[in-house]
Amino acid sequence: MRAPSFNLLSWLIAIAALLALPWLVTSDYYVNIASQVVIAAILALSLNLLIGFGGMISLGHAAYLGVAAYLSIYLTAHAGFGHLAGALIAIGATTVLAMLFGYLALRASGLGFLMITLALGQILWGVAYRWASLTGGDNGLGGLKRPHPFGLNLMDPAIFYYFALAFFGIALWCIARFVQSALGQSLQGTRDQPRRMRALGYNVWLIQWLSFVFAGFWGSVAGLLYAYYHQFVSPQTLHLTTSAETLLMVIAGGTGTLLGPVVGAALVVILKNVVSAYITRWLILLGVIFVVIVLFMPEGLVPGITRWVRSLRSRPRADKAADTPSIAKDSAR
């Protein structure tokens, strides 16, 4: 019987740990932190589609998180819509917004693309901050009550964690299938050789636009879960800081991988919520950790750790191969 590969084994261990987490921790506080990690991981996975697989660095990805959260709270808590209708409208409208933003941002590439996404995200932040009659301005928008799908009480931290984890599993599976599909492979081709892809007859702009919209869709799903978790949203959700934190999650964990953004999300959320309770200048610690990652694992935590494990595994084999000739000589004597 063939032994499972390290990659498969690591995934199985990760899945088992995620499912058992509410029983492993002793406090609802840490279960809530885990829910935040799961939501942030969905957002980071969606951004990784653009950065890691498409080579498109965006600084406006928080727009989809914030718009979906604002719409779901406004429609459900203030406009009289049901939870299902409000969720579907919020995700649909945010996806349409991603279509528009993708159309505008993809008129440029490289630094121009980054600046356009930054500008679009800041426009939405300004609208949320200034349009106080609709968004609550700096006071934010609240009043949302968590839904009860299939009779589940999402006010229970463990149940909400599993609810968010189910969406995370679906997001991870869909994004993995997308990456492995013909469209995902074409996206990676446009990242590496856009001119050659055009010469082969591929519509590079359309491939990037469809990927942009797909990433925006999953960003809106993260925004919906964000609204359900916090039951409140403010302009800070749309701010550049949120986009920068998500970008940091992707880079720290490892771009172009599926597990990297998840590890990066866990790192940033834990530092932000747990370590900050003990260290006032936790941002300095985050900066130090990021510098260490860049120096020793420039490809990110997950690829870097994988490389180290492979080197440790191959070292005994190399030592054994080096000792073989001397053993053979001794036997000949």
Protein backbone atom coordinates (compact mmCIF):
# COMPACT_ATOMS: atom_id res chain seq x y z
CA MET A 1 0.00 0.00 0.00
CA ARG A 2 1.37 3.36 -1.01
CA ALA A 3 1.99 5.82 1.81
CA PRO A 4 0.22 9.18 1.52
CA SER A 5 2.34 12.09 0.43
CA PHE A 6 3.40 14.79 2.85
CA ASN A 7 1.10 17.27 1.16
CA LEU A 8 -1.96 15.02 1.52
CA LEU A 9 -1.03 14.14 5.08
CA SER A 10 -0.66 17.81 6.01
CA TRP A 11 -4.09 18.58 4.56
CA LEU A 12 -5.68 15.71 6.50
CA ILE A 13 -4.07 16.89 9.74
CA ALA A 14 -5.23 20.47 9.07
CA ILE A 15 -8.82 19.36 8.40
CA ALA A 16 -8.90 17.22 11.55
CA ALA A 17 -7.51 20.09 13.63
CA LEU A 18 -10.08 22.55 12.25
CA LEU A 19 -12.98 20.20 12.96
CA ALA A 20 -11.78 19.42 16.47
CA LEU A 21 -10.86 23.00 17.41
CA PRO A 22 -13.99 23.83 19.51
CA TRP A 23 -13.15 20.80 21.70
CA LEU A 24 -9.44 21.55 21.84
CA VAL A 25 -9.76 25.10 23.19
CA THR A 26 -11.34 25.87 26.54
CA SER A 27 -12.70 29.36 25.90
CA ASP A 28 -15.35 30.81 23.60
CA TYR A 29 -12.97 33.71 23.07
CA TYR A 30 -10.54 31.55 21.14
CA VAL A 31 -13.38 29.93 19.17
CA ASN A 32 -14.41 33.43 18.11
CA ILE A 33 -10.81 34.15 17.12
CA ALA A 34 -10.88 31.00 15.01
CA SER A 35 -14.05 32.26 13.29
CA GLN A 36 -12.26 35.51 12.47
CA VAL A 37 -9.33 33.52 11.05
CA VAL A 38 -11.69 31.53 8.81
CA ILE A 39 -13.38 34.69 7.49
CA ALA A 40 -10.03 36.40 6.89
CA ALA A 41 -8.76 33.25 5.16
CA ILE A 42 -11.62 33.38 2.63
CA LEU A 43 -10.77 37.01 1.87
CA ALA A 44 -7.05 36.22 1.58
CA LEU A 45 -7.73 33.24 -0.70
CA SER A 46 -9.77 35.45 -3.00
CA LEU A 47 -7.02 38.07 -3.15
CA ASN A 48 -4.44 35.35 -3.76
CA LEU A 49 -6.26 34.52 -6.99
CA LEU A 50 -5.26 37.95 -8.28
CA ILE A 51 -1.78 38.17 -6.78
CA GLY A 52 -0.46 34.64 -6.71
CA PHE A 53 -2.09 33.17 -9.80
CA GLY A 54 -2.74 36.30 -11.87
CA GLY A 55 0.18 38.55 -10.98
CA MET A 56 -2.24 41.46 -10.32
CA ILE A 57 -1.46 43.26 -7.05
CA SER A 58 -4.57 44.95 -5.68
CA LEU A 59 -4.87 47.41 -2.81
CA GLY A 60 -8.63 47.75 -3.01
CA HIS A 61 -9.81 44.25 -2.17
CA ALA A 62 -11.40 45.41 1.09
CA ALA A 63 -14.07 47.05 -1.09
CA TYR A 64 -15.86 43.72 -1.58
CA LEU A 65 -15.65 42.86 2.11
CA GLY A 66 -17.09 46.23 3.14
CA VAL A 67 -19.75 46.63 0.45
CA ALA A 68 -21.18 43.15 1.04
CA ALA A 69 -21.22 43.77 4.80
CA TYR A 70 -22.90 47.17 4.44
CA LEU A 71 -25.52 45.87 2.01
CA SER A 72 -26.40 42.79 4.05
CA ILE A 73 -26.80 44.79 7.26
CA TYR A 74 -28.77 47.61 5.63
CA LEU A 75 -31.10 45.32 3.69
CA THR A 76 -31.76 42.95 6.58
CA ALA A 77 -31.80 45.25 9.59
CA HIS A 78 -33.10 48.49 8.07
CA ALA A 79 -34.90 47.78 4.77
CA GLY A 80 -37.03 44.85 5.91
CA PHE A 81 -35.51 42.11 3.74
CA GLY A 82 -35.14 38.55 4.97
CA HIS A 83 -31.72 37.10 5.66
CA LEU A 84 -31.63 34.95 2.53
CA ALA A 85 -32.81 37.74 0.22
CA GLY A 86 -30.48 40.24 1.83
CA ALA A 87 -27.51 37.86 1.52
CA LEU A 88 -28.20 37.05 -2.13
CA ILE A 89 -28.68 40.72 -3.07
CA ALA A 90 -25.54 41.74 -1.17
CA ILE A 91 -23.39 39.07 -2.83
CA GLY A 92 -24.93 39.72 -6.27
CA ALA A 93 -24.54 43.50 -6.08
CA THR A 94 -20.96 43.22 -4.82
CA THR A 95 -20.11 40.84 -7.66
CA VAL A 96 -21.53 43.35 -10.13
CA LEU A 97 -19.34 45.98 -8.47
CA ALA A 98 -16.35 43.68 -9.02
CA MET A 99 -17.31 43.50 -12.71
CA LEU A 100 -17.21 47.30 -12.92
CA PHE A 101 -13.99 47.64 -10.92
CA GLY A 102 -12.33 44.95 -13.01
CA TYR A 103 -13.33 46.72 -16.21
CA LEU A 104 -11.77 49.95 -14.94
CA ALA A 105 -8.67 48.53 -13.27
CA LEU A 106 -7.67 46.20 -16.11
CA ARG A 107 -7.28 49.15 -18.45
CA ALA A 108 -3.81 49.29 -16.90
CA SER A 109 -1.27 46.80 -15.61
CA GLY A 110 1.46 46.69 -13.00
CA LEU A 111 1.72 49.88 -10.95
CA GLY A 112 -1.18 51.45 -12.84
CA PHE A 113 -3.46 48.54 -11.91
CA LEU A 114 -2.41 48.83 -8.26
CA MET A 115 -3.10 52.58 -8.16
CA ILE A 116 -6.52 52.21 -9.79
CA THR A 117 -7.63 49.56 -7.30
CA LEU A 118 -6.32 51.74 -4.48
CA ALA A 119 -8.25 54.76 -5.79
CA LEU A 120 -11.49 52.80 -6.24
CA GLY A 121 -11.26 51.39 -2.74
CA GLN A 122 -10.63 54.81 -1.24
CA ILE A 123 -13.61 56.25 -3.11
CA LEU A 124 -15.87 53.69 -1.47
CA TRP A 125 -14.30 54.43 1.90
CA GLY A 126 -15.02 58.14 1.40
CA VAL A 127 -18.63 57.42 0.43
CA ALA A 128 -19.14 55.24 3.53
CA TYR A 129 -17.55 57.88 5.73
CA ARG A 130 -19.46 60.87 4.32
CA TRP A 131 -22.89 59.41 3.50
CA ALA A 132 -23.90 59.26 7.15
CA SER A 133 -27.65 59.11 6.47
CA LEU A 134 -27.22 55.72 4.77
CA THR A 135 -24.06 54.20 6.25
CA GLY A 136 -24.03 55.80 9.69
CA GLY A 137 -20.79 57.59 8.87
CA ASP A 138 -18.02 57.18 11.41
CA ASN A 139 -20.50 55.55 13.84
CA GLY A 140 -21.01 52.64 11.47
CA LEU A 141 -24.10 50.57 10.76
CA GLY A 142 -25.46 47.93 13.11
CA GLY A 143 -28.66 46.29 14.22
CA LEU A 144 -28.16 43.00 12.40
CA LYS A 145 -29.28 39.79 14.09
CA ARG A 146 -27.65 36.57 13.08
CA PRO A 147 -29.86 34.24 11.04
CA HIS A 148 -30.99 30.76 12.14
CA PRO A 149 -30.36 28.55 9.09
CA PHE A 150 -31.94 25.10 9.47
CA GLY A 151 -32.76 26.00 13.07
CA LEU A 152 -29.11 26.52 14.04
CA ASN A 153 -28.35 29.12 16.69
CA LEU A 154 -25.46 31.11 15.23
CA MET A 155 -25.15 33.06 18.46
CA ASP A 156 -23.36 30.02 19.84
CA PRO A 157 -19.63 30.51 19.10
CA ALA A 158 -19.00 26.87 18.17
CA ILE A 159 -21.99 26.68 15.82
CA PHE A 160 -21.03 29.93 14.12
CA TYR A 161 -17.48 28.63 13.74
CA TYR A 162 -18.71 25.52 11.94
CA PHE A 163 -21.04 27.69 9.85
CA ALA A 164 -18.12 29.85 8.72
CA LEU A 165 -15.90 26.78 8.33
CA ALA A 166 -18.43 25.25 5.93
CA PHE A 167 -18.22 28.34 3.71
CA PHE A 168 -14.45 28.23 3.99
CA GLY A 169 -14.40 24.62 2.82
CA ILE A 170 -16.62 25.47 -0.15
CA ALA A 171 -14.48 28.49 -1.01
CA LEU A 172 -11.26 26.50 -0.78
CA TRP A 173 -12.66 23.71 -2.97
CA CYS A 174 -14.04 26.12 -5.59
CA ILE A 175 -10.84 28.15 -5.74
CA ALA A 176 -8.75 24.97 -6.01
CA ARG A 177 -10.96 23.75 -8.87
CA PHE A 178 -10.69 27.15 -10.53
CA VAL A 179 -6.90 27.12 -10.32
CA GLN A 180 -6.75 23.63 -11.82
CA SER A 181 -9.26 24.44 -14.58
CA ALA A 182 -8.40 25.58 -18.08
CA LEU A 183 -9.29 29.15 -17.13
CA GLY A 184 -7.05 29.01 -14.06
CA GLN A 185 -4.16 27.61 -16.08
CA SER A 186 -4.71 30.35 -18.67
CA LEU A 187 -4.63 32.94 -15.89
CA GLN A 188 -1.23 31.67 -14.78
CA GLY A 189 -0.11 31.79 -18.39
CA THR A 190 -1.12 35.46 -18.60
CA ARG A 191 0.85 36.08 -15.42
CA ASP A 192 4.04 34.54 -16.81
CA GLN A 193 3.88 35.22 -20.55
CA PRO A 194 1.08 37.64 -21.52
CA ARG A 195 2.55 38.40 -24.94
CA ARG A 196 2.90 34.73 -25.79
CA MET A 197 -0.66 34.08 -24.65
CA ARG A 198 -1.92 36.82 -26.96
CA ALA A 199 0.14 35.38 -29.81
CA LEU A 200 -1.50 32.00 -29.18
CA GLY A 201 -4.93 33.58 -29.56
CA TYR A 202 -5.98 33.91 -25.92
CA ASN A 203 -8.01 36.91 -24.81
CA VAL A 204 -5.77 38.00 -21.94
CA TRP A 205 -8.06 40.82 -20.81
CA LEU A 206 -11.12 38.56 -20.61
CA ILE A 207 -9.23 35.88 -18.66
CA GLN A 208 -8.04 38.46 -16.15
CA TRP A 209 -11.47 40.09 -15.92
CA LEU A 210 -13.28 36.80 -15.24
CA SER A 211 -10.71 35.96 -12.58
CA PHE A 212 -11.12 39.43 -11.07
CA VAL A 213 -14.89 38.93 -10.85
CA PHE A 214 -14.48 35.46 -9.34
CA ALA A 215 -12.14 36.89 -6.69
CA GLY A 216 -14.64 39.68 -5.98
CA PHE A 217 -17.41 37.12 -5.52
CA TRP A 218 -15.52 35.29 -2.79
CA GLY A 219 -14.55 38.61 -1.25
CA SER A 220 -18.27 39.37 -0.97
CA VAL A 221 -18.88 36.00 0.71
CA ALA A 222 -16.23 36.93 3.28
CA GLY A 223 -18.01 40.28 3.73
CA LEU A 224 -21.32 38.53 4.41
CA LEU A 225 -19.73 36.33 7.07
CA TYR A 226 -17.98 39.41 8.48
CA ALA A 227 -21.36 41.12 8.88
CA TYR A 228 -22.88 38.07 10.55
CA TYR A 229 -19.96 37.76 12.94
CA HIS A 230 -19.59 41.39 14.01
CA GLN A 231 -23.26 42.40 13.44
CA PHE A 232 -21.76 45.80 12.70
CA VAL A 233 -19.74 47.47 9.96
CA SER A 234 -17.90 50.79 9.80
CA PRO A 235 -15.87 52.68 7.18
CA GLN A 236 -12.73 51.12 8.65
CA THR A 237 -13.74 47.88 6.92
CA LEU A 238 -13.29 49.64 3.57
CA HIS A 239 -10.08 51.42 4.52
CA LEU A 240 -6.69 50.89 2.93
CA THR A 241 -5.51 49.29 6.18
CA THR A 242 -7.85 46.33 5.67
CA SER A 243 -6.62 45.82 2.10
CA ALA A 244 -3.00 46.08 3.26
CA GLU A 245 -3.58 43.52 6.03
CA THR A 246 -5.10 41.10 3.52
CA LEU A 247 -2.18 41.64 1.16
CA LEU A 248 0.19 40.94 4.05
CA MET A 249 -1.65 37.69 4.81
CA VAL A 250 -1.13 36.49 1.25
CA ILE A 251 2.54 37.49 1.03
CA ALA A 252 3.47 36.17 4.48
CA GLY A 253 1.77 32.83 3.94
CA GLY A 254 2.94 32.32 0.38
CA THR A 255 1.51 33.60 -2.89
CA GLY A 256 0.40 31.11 -5.49
CA THR A 257 -0.45 28.45 -2.88
CA LEU A 258 -3.76 27.39 -1.38
CA LEU A 259 -2.58 26.87 2.17
CA GLY A 260 -0.38 29.99 2.32
CA PRO A 261 -3.15 32.63 2.61
CA VAL A 262 -4.80 30.55 5.34
CA VAL A 263 -1.58 30.45 7.39
CA GLY A 264 -1.02 34.16 6.74
CA ALA A 265 -4.58 34.96 7.87
CA ALA A 266 -4.07 33.00 11.08
CA LEU A 267 -0.78 34.81 11.75
CA VAL A 268 -2.19 38.32 11.27
CA VAL A 269 -5.51 37.72 13.09
CA ILE A 270 -3.82 36.10 16.09
CA LEU A 271 -1.28 38.91 16.36
CA LYS A 272 -4.03 41.48 15.99
CA ASN A 273 -6.42 40.00 18.57
CA VAL A 274 -4.37 37.89 20.98
CA VAL A 275 -0.84 39.28 21.05
CA SER A 276 -2.12 42.88 21.08
CA ALA A 277 -3.63 42.17 24.52
CA TYR A 278 -0.12 41.66 25.91
CA ILE A 279 1.99 43.85 23.61
CA THR A 280 0.89 47.43 23.00
CA ARG A 281 3.11 47.91 19.95
CA TRP A 282 2.02 44.68 18.29
CA LEU A 283 2.37 46.27 14.84
CA ILE A 284 6.12 46.52 15.44
CA LEU A 285 6.18 42.79 16.21
CA LEU A 286 4.20 42.11 13.04
CA GLY A 287 6.71 44.17 11.08
CA VAL A 288 9.63 42.26 12.60
CA ILE A 289 8.01 38.91 11.78
CA PHE A 290 7.35 40.04 8.22
CA VAL A 291 10.99 41.13 7.80
CA VAL A 292 12.18 37.77 9.13
CA ILE A 293 9.89 35.97 6.67
CA VAL A 294 11.18 38.05 3.77
CA LEU A 295 14.82 37.43 4.76
CA PHE A 296 14.66 33.69 5.42
CA MET A 297 11.56 32.61 3.49
CA PRO A 298 11.05 35.12 0.67
CA GLU A 299 8.57 32.77 -0.99
CA GLY A 300 6.35 32.75 2.13
CA LEU A 301 5.86 30.58 5.20
CA VAL A 302 4.22 27.57 3.57
CA PRO A 303 6.64 27.20 0.62
CA GLY A 304 9.57 28.04 2.90
CA ILE A 305 8.67 25.43 5.52
CA THR A 306 8.03 22.87 2.76
CA ARG A 307 11.48 23.61 1.32
CA TRP A 308 13.10 23.19 4.73
CA VAL A 309 11.31 19.89 5.35
CA ARG A 310 12.41 18.55 1.96
CA SER A 311 16.01 19.58 2.61
CA LEU A 312 15.97 17.86 6.00
CA ARG A 313 14.52 14.73 4.40
CA SER A 314 17.05 14.66 1.59
CA ARG A 315 20.06 15.24 3.90
CA PRO A 316 20.11 11.70 5.42
CA ARG A 317 19.84 10.22 1.93
CA ALA A 318 22.76 12.34 0.72
CA ASP A 319 24.84 11.30 3.75
CA LYS A 320 23.98 7.65 3.14
CA ALA A 321 24.94 7.95 -0.53
CA ALA A 322 28.24 9.59 0.47
CA ASP A 323 29.04 6.74 2.88
CA THR A 324 28.29 4.00 0.35
CA PRO A 325 31.62 4.19 -1.61
CA SER A 326 33.71 3.97 1.56
CA ILE A 327 31.75 0.90 2.70
CA ALA A 328 32.27 -0.70 -0.67
CA LYS A 329 36.03 -0.03 -0.48
CA ASP A 330 36.26 -1.53 2.99
CA SER A 331 34.47 -4.70 1.87
CA ALA A 332 36.80 -5.00 -1.14
CA ARG A 333 39.81 -4.88 1.14
